[in-house]
All heavy atoms as atom14 arrays in JSON, in Angstrom:
{
  "sequence": "PPSLPQTTGPLFEHQPFIVSWNIPDLVCNRNNISLDTSPFKGV",
  "atom14_mask": [
    [1, 1, 1, 1, 1, 1, 1, 0, 0, 0, 0, 0, 0, 0],
    [1, 1, 1, 1, 1, 1, 1, 0, 0, 0, 0, 0, 0, 0],
    [1, 1, 1, 1, 1, 1, 0, 0, 0, 0, 0, 0, 0, 0],
    [1, 1, 1, 1, 1, 1, 1, 1, 0, 0, 0, 0, 0, 0],
    [1, 1, 1, 1, 1, 1, 1, 0, 0, 0, 0, 0, 0, 0],
    [1, 1, 1, 1, 1, 1, 1, 1, 1, 0, 0, 0, 0, 0],
    [1, 1, 1, 1, 1, 1, 1, 0, 0, 0, 0, 0, 0, 0],
    [1, 1, 1, 1, 1, 1, 1, 0, 0, 0, 0, 0, 0, 0],
    [1, 1, 1, 1, 0, 0, 0, 0, 0, 0, 0, 0, 0, 0],
    [1, 1, 1, 1, 1, 1, 1, 0, 0, 0, 0, 0, 0, 0],
    [1, 1, 1, 1, 1, 1, 1, 1, 0, 0, 0, 0, 0, 0],
    [1, 1, 1, 1, 1, 1, 1, 1, 1, 1, 1, 0, 0, 0],
    [1, 1, 1, 1, 1, 1, 1, 1, 1, 0, 0, 0, 0, 0],
    [1, 1, 1, 1, 1, 1, 1, 1, 1, 1, 0, 0, 0, 0],
    [1, 1, 1, 1, 1, 1, 1, 1, 1, 0, 0, 0, 0, 0],
    [1, 1, 1, 1, 1, 1, 1, 0, 0, 0, 0, 0, 0, 0],
    [1, 1, 1, 1, 1, 1, 1, 1, 1, 1, 1, 0, 0, 0],
    [1, 1, 1, 1, 1, 1, 1, 1, 0, 0, 0, 0, 0, 0],
    [1, 1, 1, 1, 1, 1, 1, 0, 0, 0, 0, 0, 0, 0],
    [1, 1, 1, 1, 1, 1, 0, 0, 0, 0, 0, 0, 0, 0],
    [1, 1, 1, 1, 1, 1, 1, 1, 1, 1, 1, 1, 1, 1],
    [1, 1, 1, 1, 1, 1, 1, 1, 0, 0, 0, 0, 0, 0],
    [1, 1, 1, 1, 1, 1, 1, 1, 0, 0, 0, 0, 0, 0],
    [1, 1, 1, 1, 1, 1, 1, 0, 0, 0, 0, 0, 0, 0],
    [1, 1, 1, 1, 1, 1, 1, 1, 0, 0, 0, 0, 0, 0],
    [1, 1, 1, 1, 1, 1, 1, 1, 0, 0, 0, 0, 0, 0],
    [1, 1, 1, 1, 1, 1, 1, 0, 0, 0, 0, 0, 0, 0],
    [1, 1, 1, 1, 1, 1, 0, 0, 0, 0, 0, 0, 0, 0],
    [1, 1, 1, 1, 1, 1, 1, 1, 0, 0, 0, 0, 0, 0],
    [1, 1, 1, 1, 1, 1, 1, 1, 1, 1, 1, 0, 0, 0],
    [1, 1, 1, 1, 1, 1, 1, 1, 0, 0, 0, 0, 0, 0],
    [1, 1, 1, 1, 1, 1, 1, 1, 0, 0, 0, 0, 0, 0],
    [1, 1, 1, 1, 1, 1, 1, 1, 0, 0, 0, 0, 0, 0],
    [1, 1, 1, 1, 1, 1, 0, 0, 0, 0, 0, 0, 0, 0],
    [1, 1, 1, 1, 1, 1, 1, 1, 0, 0, 0, 0, 0, 0],
    [1, 1, 1, 1, 1, 1, 1, 1, 0, 0, 0, 0, 0, 0],
    [1, 1, 1, 1, 1, 1, 1, 0, 0, 0, 0, 0, 0, 0],
    [1, 1, 1, 1, 1, 1, 0, 0, 0, 0, 0, 0, 0, 0],
    [1, 1, 1, 1, 1, 1, 1, 0, 0, 0, 0, 0, 0, 0],
    [1, 1, 1, 1, 1, 1, 1, 1, 1, 1, 1, 0, 0, 0],
    [1, 1, 1, 1, 1, 1, 1, 1, 1, 0, 0, 0, 0, 0],
    [1, 1, 1, 1, 0, 0, 0, 0, 0, 0, 0, 0, 0, 0],
    [1, 1, 1, 1, 1, 1, 1, 0, 0, 0, 0, 0, 0, 0]
  ],
  "atom14_positions": [
    [[26.2, -14.39, -3.41], [25.55, -13.7, -2.23], [25.39, -14.66, -1.12], [25.27, -15.93, -1.26], [24.09, -13.42, -2.81], [23.94, -14.4, -3.97], [25.21, -14.64, -4.47], [0.0, 0.0, 0.0], [0.0, 0.0, 0.0], [0.0, 0.0, 0.0], [0.0, 0.0, 0.0], [0.0, 0.0, 0.0], [0.0, 0.0, 0.0], [0.0, 0.0, 0.0]],
    [[25.39, -14.07, 0.09], [25.16, -15.07, 1.29], [23.78, -15.52, 1.29], [22.91, -14.97, 0.81], [25.42, -13.99, 2.51], [25.17, -12.7, 1.9], [25.52, -12.71, 0.38], [0.0, 0.0, 0.0], [0.0, 0.0, 0.0], [0.0, 0.0, 0.0], [0.0, 0.0, 0.0], [0.0, 0.0, 0.0], [0.0, 0.0, 0.0], [0.0, 0.0, 0.0]],
    [[23.67, -16.71, 1.97], [22.33, -17.32, 2.05], [21.45, -16.52, 2.83], [21.84, -15.95, 3.96], [22.4, -18.69, 2.49], [22.93, -18.76, 3.9], [0.0, 0.0, 0.0], [0.0, 0.0, 0.0], [0.0, 0.0, 0.0], [0.0, 0.0, 0.0], [0.0, 0.0, 0.0], [0.0, 0.0, 0.0], [0.0, 0.0, 0.0], [0.0, 0.0, 0.0]],
    [[20.21, -16.26, 2.44], [19.31, -15.37, 3.08], [18.41, -16.15, 4.04], [17.91, -17.31, 3.73], [18.33, -14.7, 2.06], [19.18, -13.74, 1.03], [18.14, -13.26, 0.03], [19.65, -12.55, 1.81], [0.0, 0.0, 0.0], [0.0, 0.0, 0.0], [0.0, 0.0, 0.0], [0.0, 0.0, 0.0], [0.0, 0.0, 0.0], [0.0, 0.0, 0.0]],
    [[18.21, -15.61, 5.37], [17.21, -16.32, 6.17], [15.77, -16.33, 5.61], [15.46, -15.45, 4.88], [17.35, -15.47, 7.47], [17.74, -14.13, 6.99], [18.59, -14.25, 5.72], [0.0, 0.0, 0.0], [0.0, 0.0, 0.0], [0.0, 0.0, 0.0], [0.0, 0.0, 0.0], [0.0, 0.0, 0.0], [0.0, 0.0, 0.0], [0.0, 0.0, 0.0]],
    [[14.96, -17.3, 6.06], [13.64, -17.36, 5.64], [12.92, -16.1, 6.28], [13.36, -15.62, 7.3], [12.99, -18.6, 6.04], [13.49, -19.74, 5.31], [12.52, -20.95, 5.32], [11.84, -21.16, 6.34], [12.45, -21.87, 4.33], [0.0, 0.0, 0.0], [0.0, 0.0, 0.0], [0.0, 0.0, 0.0], [0.0, 0.0, 0.0], [0.0, 0.0, 0.0]],
    [[11.82, -15.71, 5.57], [11.18, -14.49, 6.03], [9.63, -14.72, 6.14], [9.16, -15.62, 5.43], [11.42, -13.27, 5.17], [10.9, -12.08, 5.69], [10.8, -13.54, 3.71], [0.0, 0.0, 0.0], [0.0, 0.0, 0.0], [0.0, 0.0, 0.0], [0.0, 0.0, 0.0], [0.0, 0.0, 0.0], [0.0, 0.0, 0.0], [0.0, 0.0, 0.0]],
    [[8.95, -13.87, 6.78], [7.54, -13.94, 6.88], [6.84, -13.79, 5.57], [7.28, -12.94, 4.78], [6.95, -12.85, 7.9], [7.65, -13.06, 9.24], [5.44, -12.94, 8.03], [0.0, 0.0, 0.0], [0.0, 0.0, 0.0], [0.0, 0.0, 0.0], [0.0, 0.0, 0.0], [0.0, 0.0, 0.0], [0.0, 0.0, 0.0], [0.0, 0.0, 0.0]],
    [[5.9, -14.52, 5.32], [5.16, -14.5, 3.95], [4.37, -13.17, 3.91], [4.12, -12.46, 4.86], [0.0, 0.0, 0.0], [0.0, 0.0, 0.0], [0.0, 0.0, 0.0], [0.0, 0.0, 0.0], [0.0, 0.0, 0.0], [0.0, 0.0, 0.0], [0.0, 0.0, 0.0], [0.0, 0.0, 0.0], [0.0, 0.0, 0.0], [0.0, 0.0, 0.0]],
    [[3.94, -12.79, 2.61], [3.34, -11.59, 2.35], [2.05, -11.46, 3.02], [1.32, -12.51, 3.12], [3.32, -11.53, 0.8], [3.3, -12.93, 0.39], [4.07, -13.74, 1.42], [0.0, 0.0, 0.0], [0.0, 0.0, 0.0], [0.0, 0.0, 0.0], [0.0, 0.0, 0.0], [0.0, 0.0, 0.0], [0.0, 0.0, 0.0], [0.0, 0.0, 0.0]],
    [[1.54, -10.29, 3.27], [0.17, -10.01, 3.74], [-0.89, -10.43, 2.72], [-1.91, -10.88, 3.14], [-0.01, -8.62, 4.19], [0.34, -8.12, 5.51], [0.3, -6.61, 5.69], [-0.51, -8.83, 6.53], [0.0, 0.0, 0.0], [0.0, 0.0, 0.0], [0.0, 0.0, 0.0], [0.0, 0.0, 0.0], [0.0, 0.0, 0.0], [0.0, 0.0, 0.0]],
    [[-0.59, -10.27, 1.54], [-1.51, -10.52, 0.38], [-0.86, -11.57, -0.52], [0.21, -11.36, -0.95], [-1.87, -9.21, -0.49], [-2.53, -8.23, 0.45], [-1.72, -7.18, 1.0], [-3.86, -8.17, 0.61], [-2.37, -6.19, 1.83], [-4.47, -7.16, 1.38], [-3.73, -6.22, 1.95], [0.0, 0.0, 0.0], [0.0, 0.0, 0.0], [0.0, 0.0, 0.0]],
    [[-1.59, -12.6, -0.84], [-1.06, -13.71, -1.55], [-0.54, -13.27, -2.81], [-1.14, -12.51, -3.59], [-2.17, -14.78, -1.66], [-1.66, -16.06, -2.35], [-2.77, -17.09, -2.46], [-3.94, -16.73, -2.17], [-2.46, -18.28, -2.78], [0.0, 0.0, 0.0], [0.0, 0.0, 0.0], [0.0, 0.0, 0.0], [0.0, 0.0, 0.0], [0.0, 0.0, 0.0]],
    [[0.67, -13.78, -3.27], [1.26, -13.54, -4.55], [1.74, -12.07, -4.68], [1.99, -11.58, -5.87], [0.46, -13.95, -5.74], [0.0, -15.35, -5.76], [0.94, -16.38, -5.64], [-1.14, -15.98, -5.76], [0.3, -17.62, -5.61], [-1.03, -17.37, -5.72], [0.0, 0.0, 0.0], [0.0, 0.0, 0.0], [0.0, 0.0, 0.0], [0.0, 0.0, 0.0]],
    [[1.82, -11.36, -3.58], [2.18, -9.87, -3.79], [3.34, -9.62, -2.81], [3.12, -9.21, -1.58], [1.01, -8.98, -3.44], [-0.12, -9.24, -4.53], [-1.15, -8.13, -4.4], [-0.92, -6.94, -4.11], [-2.44, -8.61, -4.59], [0.0, 0.0, 0.0], [0.0, 0.0, 0.0], [0.0, 0.0, 0.0], [0.0, 0.0, 0.0], [0.0, 0.0, 0.0]],
    [[4.58, -9.92, -3.13], [5.78, -9.87, -2.32], [6.16, -8.39, -1.87], [6.86, -8.18, -0.94], [6.88, -10.44, -3.08], [6.43, -10.24, -4.5], [4.93, -10.45, -4.45], [0.0, 0.0, 0.0], [0.0, 0.0, 0.0], [0.0, 0.0, 0.0], [0.0, 0.0, 0.0], [0.0, 0.0, 0.0], [0.0, 0.0, 0.0], [0.0, 0.0, 0.0]],
    [[5.64, -7.44, -2.66], [5.91, -6.01, -2.33], [4.67, -5.24, -2.57], [4.08, -5.26, -3.68], [7.12, -5.38, -3.22], [7.49, -4.08, -2.94], [8.35, -3.78, -1.89], [6.94, -3.0, -3.52], [8.7, -2.52, -1.5], [7.35, -1.66, -3.26], [8.25, -1.44, -2.22], [0.0, 0.0, 0.0], [0.0, 0.0, 0.0], [0.0, 0.0, 0.0]],
    [[4.24, -4.56, -1.6], [3.04, -3.69, -1.63], [3.33, -2.28, -1.18], [4.35, -1.94, -0.53], [1.77, -4.27, -0.69], [2.26, -4.18, 0.78], [1.44, -5.68, -1.1], [1.14, -4.47, 1.7], [0.0, 0.0, 0.0], [0.0, 0.0, 0.0], [0.0, 0.0, 0.0], [0.0, 0.0, 0.0], [0.0, 0.0, 0.0], [0.0, 0.0, 0.0]],
    [[2.5, -1.34, -1.61], [2.54, 0.07, -1.23], [1.24, 0.39, -0.65], [0.21, 0.25, -1.23], [2.94, 1.04, -2.5], [3.0, 2.36, -1.97], [4.2, 0.49, -3.16], [0.0, 0.0, 0.0], [0.0, 0.0, 0.0], [0.0, 0.0, 0.0], [0.0, 0.0, 0.0], [0.0, 0.0, 0.0], [0.0, 0.0, 0.0], [0.0, 0.0, 0.0]],
    [[1.32, 0.91, 0.62], [0.18, 1.31, 1.37], [0.06, 2.81, 1.39], [1.07, 3.57, 1.48], [0.14, 0.74, 2.66], [0.15, -0.69, 2.69], [0.0, 0.0, 0.0], [0.0, 0.0, 0.0], [0.0, 0.0, 0.0], [0.0, 0.0, 0.0], [0.0, 0.0, 0.0], [0.0, 0.0, 0.0], [0.0, 0.0, 0.0], [0.0, 0.0, 0.0]],
    [[-1.18, 3.26, 1.54], [-1.53, 4.78, 1.52], [-1.82, 5.22, 2.93], [-2.67, 4.54, 3.54], [-2.7, 4.99, 0.64], [-3.25, 6.33, 0.63], [-4.21, 6.9, 1.51], [-3.02, 7.34, -0.34], [-4.55, 8.1, 1.08], [-3.77, 8.51, -0.01], [-2.22, 7.48, -1.5], [-3.85, 9.64, -0.8], [-2.11, 8.62, -2.23], [-2.99, 9.72, -1.84]],
    [[-1.08, 6.15, 3.46], [-1.47, 6.74, 4.8], [-1.36, 8.27, 4.82], [-0.5, 8.82, 5.39], [-0.39, 6.23, 5.8], [-0.77, 6.33, 7.16], [0.1, 6.46, 8.09], [-2.07, 6.47, 7.53], [0.0, 0.0, 0.0], [0.0, 0.0, 0.0], [0.0, 0.0, 0.0], [0.0, 0.0, 0.0], [0.0, 0.0, 0.0], [0.0, 0.0, 0.0]],
    [[-2.21, 8.84, 3.92], [-2.24, 10.25, 3.63], [-3.58, 10.86, 4.04], [-4.61, 10.3, 3.61], [-1.87, 10.53, 2.18], [-0.32, 10.05, 1.96], [-2.08, 12.02, 1.8], [0.03, 10.25, 0.44], [0.0, 0.0, 0.0], [0.0, 0.0, 0.0], [0.0, 0.0, 0.0], [0.0, 0.0, 0.0], [0.0, 0.0, 0.0], [0.0, 0.0, 0.0]],
    [[-3.72, 12.01, 4.66], [-4.98, 12.58, 4.98], [-5.68, 13.06, 3.77], [-5.09, 13.63, 2.8], [-4.53, 13.82, 5.92], [-3.21, 14.1, 5.51], [-2.54, 12.82, 5.14], [0.0, 0.0, 0.0], [0.0, 0.0, 0.0], [0.0, 0.0, 0.0], [0.0, 0.0, 0.0], [0.0, 0.0, 0.0], [0.0, 0.0, 0.0], [0.0, 0.0, 0.0]],
    [[-6.99, 12.83, 3.7], [-7.71, 13.26, 2.53], [-9.01, 14.01, 2.91], [-9.83, 14.4, 1.96], [-8.29, 11.94, 1.91], [-9.12, 11.13, 2.81], [-9.39, 11.37, 3.95], [-9.47, 9.89, 2.38], [0.0, 0.0, 0.0], [0.0, 0.0, 0.0], [0.0, 0.0, 0.0], [0.0, 0.0, 0.0], [0.0, 0.0, 0.0], [0.0, 0.0, 0.0]],
    [[-9.11, 14.57, 4.15], [-10.24, 15.39, 4.61], [-10.4, 16.56, 3.76], [-11.53, 16.9, 3.27], [-10.06, 15.7, 5.98], [-11.23, 16.57, 6.68], [-12.42, 15.64, 6.61], [-10.98, 16.89, 8.14], [0.0, 0.0, 0.0], [0.0, 0.0, 0.0], [0.0, 0.0, 0.0], [0.0, 0.0, 0.0], [0.0, 0.0, 0.0], [0.0, 0.0, 0.0]],
    [[-9.4, 17.36, 3.61], [-9.49, 18.7, 2.73], [-9.84, 18.36, 1.4], [-10.57, 19.1, 0.7], [-8.21, 19.53, 2.89], [-8.23, 20.78, 2.04], [-8.01, 19.92, 4.39], [0.0, 0.0, 0.0], [0.0, 0.0, 0.0], [0.0, 0.0, 0.0], [0.0, 0.0, 0.0], [0.0, 0.0, 0.0], [0.0, 0.0, 0.0], [0.0, 0.0, 0.0]],
    [[-9.19, 17.35, 0.81], [-9.45, 16.92, -0.64], [-10.87, 16.49, -0.81], [-11.56, 16.95, -1.77], [-8.45, 15.87, -1.04], [-6.75, 16.33, -0.92], [0.0, 0.0, 0.0], [0.0, 0.0, 0.0], [0.0, 0.0, 0.0], [0.0, 0.0, 0.0], [0.0, 0.0, 0.0], [0.0, 0.0, 0.0], [0.0, 0.0, 0.0], [0.0, 0.0, 0.0]],
    [[-11.42, 15.77, 0.16], [-12.81, 15.36, 0.05], [-13.74, 16.62, 0.11], [-14.77, 16.66, -0.56], [-13.14, 14.42, 1.14], [-12.55, 13.08, 0.84], [-12.15, 12.65, -0.19], [-12.38, 12.22, 1.93], [0.0, 0.0, 0.0], [0.0, 0.0, 0.0], [0.0, 0.0, 0.0], [0.0, 0.0, 0.0], [0.0, 0.0, 0.0], [0.0, 0.0, 0.0]],
    [[-13.43, 17.49, 1.0], [-14.22, 18.74, 1.21], [-14.28, 19.52, -0.2], [-15.34, 20.23, -0.45], [-13.69, 19.6, 2.25], [-14.04, 19.1, 3.69], [-13.42, 19.92, 4.63], [-13.64, 19.5, 6.1], [-13.06, 19.99, 7.16], [-12.21, 20.98, 7.01], [-13.48, 19.55, 8.34], [0.0, 0.0, 0.0], [0.0, 0.0, 0.0], [0.0, 0.0, 0.0]],
    [[-13.16, 19.46, -0.82], [-13.17, 20.18, -2.12], [-13.52, 19.34, -3.35], [-13.29, 19.75, -4.49], [-11.64, 20.78, -2.39], [-11.31, 21.91, -1.57], [-11.65, 23.05, -1.84], [-10.71, 21.73, -0.34], [0.0, 0.0, 0.0], [0.0, 0.0, 0.0], [0.0, 0.0, 0.0], [0.0, 0.0, 0.0], [0.0, 0.0, 0.0], [0.0, 0.0, 0.0]],
    [[-14.14, 18.2, -3.01], [-14.58, 17.27, -4.11], [-13.45, 16.94, -5.14], [-13.76, 16.88, -6.38], [-15.82, 17.91, -4.78], [-16.94, 18.1, -3.96], [-17.24, 17.16, -3.19], [-17.68, 19.16, -4.1], [0.0, 0.0, 0.0], [0.0, 0.0, 0.0], [0.0, 0.0, 0.0], [0.0, 0.0, 0.0], [0.0, 0.0, 0.0], [0.0, 0.0, 0.0]],
    [[-12.3, 16.83, -4.62], [-11.18, 16.35, -5.49], [-10.86, 14.85, -5.2], [-10.52, 14.5, -4.15], [-9.89, 17.27, -5.17], [-10.15, 18.72, -5.53], [-8.69, 16.73, -5.97], [-9.08, 19.63, -5.12], [0.0, 0.0, 0.0], [0.0, 0.0, 0.0], [0.0, 0.0, 0.0], [0.0, 0.0, 0.0], [0.0, 0.0, 0.0], [0.0, 0.0, 0.0]],
    [[-10.97, 14.08, -6.25], [-10.87, 12.61, -6.12], [-9.36, 12.3, -6.16], [-8.61, 12.86, -6.88], [-11.56, 11.94, -7.25], [-11.14, 12.23, -8.44], [0.0, 0.0, 0.0], [0.0, 0.0, 0.0], [0.0, 0.0, 0.0], [0.0, 0.0, 0.0], [0.0, 0.0, 0.0], [0.0, 0.0, 0.0], [0.0, 0.0, 0.0], [0.0, 0.0, 0.0]],
    [[-8.97, 11.26, -5.27], [-7.65, 10.82, -5.3], [-7.7, 9.3, -5.62], [-8.32, 8.49, -4.92], [-7.07, 10.98, -3.87], [-7.0, 12.39, -3.37], [-6.46, 12.35, -1.85], [-6.08, 13.28, -4.16], [0.0, 0.0, 0.0], [0.0, 0.0, 0.0], [0.0, 0.0, 0.0], [0.0, 0.0, 0.0], [0.0, 0.0, 0.0], [0.0, 0.0, 0.0]],
    [[-7.17, 8.9, -6.83], [-7.09, 7.61, -7.24], [-6.12, 6.69, -6.48], [-4.88, 6.85, -6.73], [-6.85, 7.54, -8.73], [-6.84, 6.11, -9.32], [-7.24, 5.2, -8.54], [-6.65, 5.91, -10.52], [0.0, 0.0, 0.0], [0.0, 0.0, 0.0], [0.0, 0.0, 0.0], [0.0, 0.0, 0.0], [0.0, 0.0, 0.0], [0.0, 0.0, 0.0]],
    [[-6.52, 5.84, -5.58], [-5.59, 5.1, -4.78], [-5.73, 3.58, -5.1], [-5.34, 2.7, -4.36], [-5.92, 5.27, -3.31], [-7.23, 4.9, -2.96], [-5.72, 6.66, -2.79], [0.0, 0.0, 0.0], [0.0, 0.0, 0.0], [0.0, 0.0, 0.0], [0.0, 0.0, 0.0], [0.0, 0.0, 0.0], [0.0, 0.0, 0.0], [0.0, 0.0, 0.0]],
    [[-6.17, 3.27, -6.28], [-6.52, 1.87, -6.76], [-5.17, 1.06, -6.71], [-5.3, -0.18, -6.43], [-7.08, 1.91, -8.12], [-6.29, 2.55, -9.04], [0.0, 0.0, 0.0], [0.0, 0.0, 0.0], [0.0, 0.0, 0.0], [0.0, 0.0, 0.0], [0.0, 0.0, 0.0], [0.0, 0.0, 0.0], [0.0, 0.0, 0.0], [0.0, 0.0, 0.0]],
    [[-3.97, 1.52, -7.05], [-2.83, 0.57, -6.95], [-2.36, 0.25, -5.62], [-1.45, -0.52, -5.4], [-1.77, 1.36, -7.8], [-2.37, 2.53, -8.43], [-3.61, 2.82, -7.63], [0.0, 0.0, 0.0], [0.0, 0.0, 0.0], [0.0, 0.0, 0.0], [0.0, 0.0, 0.0], [0.0, 0.0, 0.0], [0.0, 0.0, 0.0], [0.0, 0.0, 0.0]],
    [[-2.86, 1.01, -4.62], [-2.33, 0.77, -3.27], [-3.09, -0.39, -2.52], [-4.28, -0.58, -2.75], [-2.57, 2.05, -2.4], [-1.71, 3.17, -2.7], [-2.11, 3.99, -3.82], [-0.65, 3.57, -2.18], [-1.45, 5.15, -4.22], [0.11, 4.64, -2.49], [-0.26, 5.44, -3.58], [0.0, 0.0, 0.0], [0.0, 0.0, 0.0], [0.0, 0.0, 0.0]],
    [[-2.22, -1.14, -1.74], [-2.83, -2.28, -0.93], [-2.93, -1.71, 0.51], [-1.97, -1.62, 1.23], [-1.86, -3.42, -1.07], [-1.94, -4.08, -2.42], [-3.22, -4.6, -2.83], [-3.81, -5.78, -2.02], [-5.15, -6.27, -2.54], [0.0, 0.0, 0.0], [0.0, 0.0, 0.0], [0.0, 0.0, 0.0], [0.0, 0.0, 0.0], [0.0, 0.0, 0.0]],
    [[-4.15, -1.4, 0.94], [-4.38, -0.81, 2.17], [-4.36, 0.74, 2.1], [-3.31, 1.3, 2.02], [0.0, 0.0, 0.0], [0.0, 0.0, 0.0], [0.0, 0.0, 0.0], [0.0, 0.0, 0.0], [0.0, 0.0, 0.0], [0.0, 0.0, 0.0], [0.0, 0.0, 0.0], [0.0, 0.0, 0.0], [0.0, 0.0, 0.0], [0.0, 0.0, 0.0]],
    [[-5.53, 1.32, 2.17], [-5.75, 2.75, 2.15], [-6.19, 3.21, 3.54], [-7.25, 2.79, 4.0], [-6.71, 3.12, 1.07], [-6.88, 4.62, 1.09], [-6.25, 2.73, -0.25], [0.0, 0.0, 0.0], [0.0, 0.0, 0.0], [0.0, 0.0, 0.0], [0.0, 0.0, 0.0], [0.0, 0.0, 0.0], [0.0, 0.0, 0.0], [0.0, 0.0, 0.0]]
  ]
}
């Protein structure tokens, strides 16, 4: 493989790949339906 350029470090230490949540929850909250977003970094 070709040599890779250096890259910016992660936003969260020791977490090179994160998944963030950007989904509307207003209607779900009104209906008292809980959404488990615990594995997401940044909700």
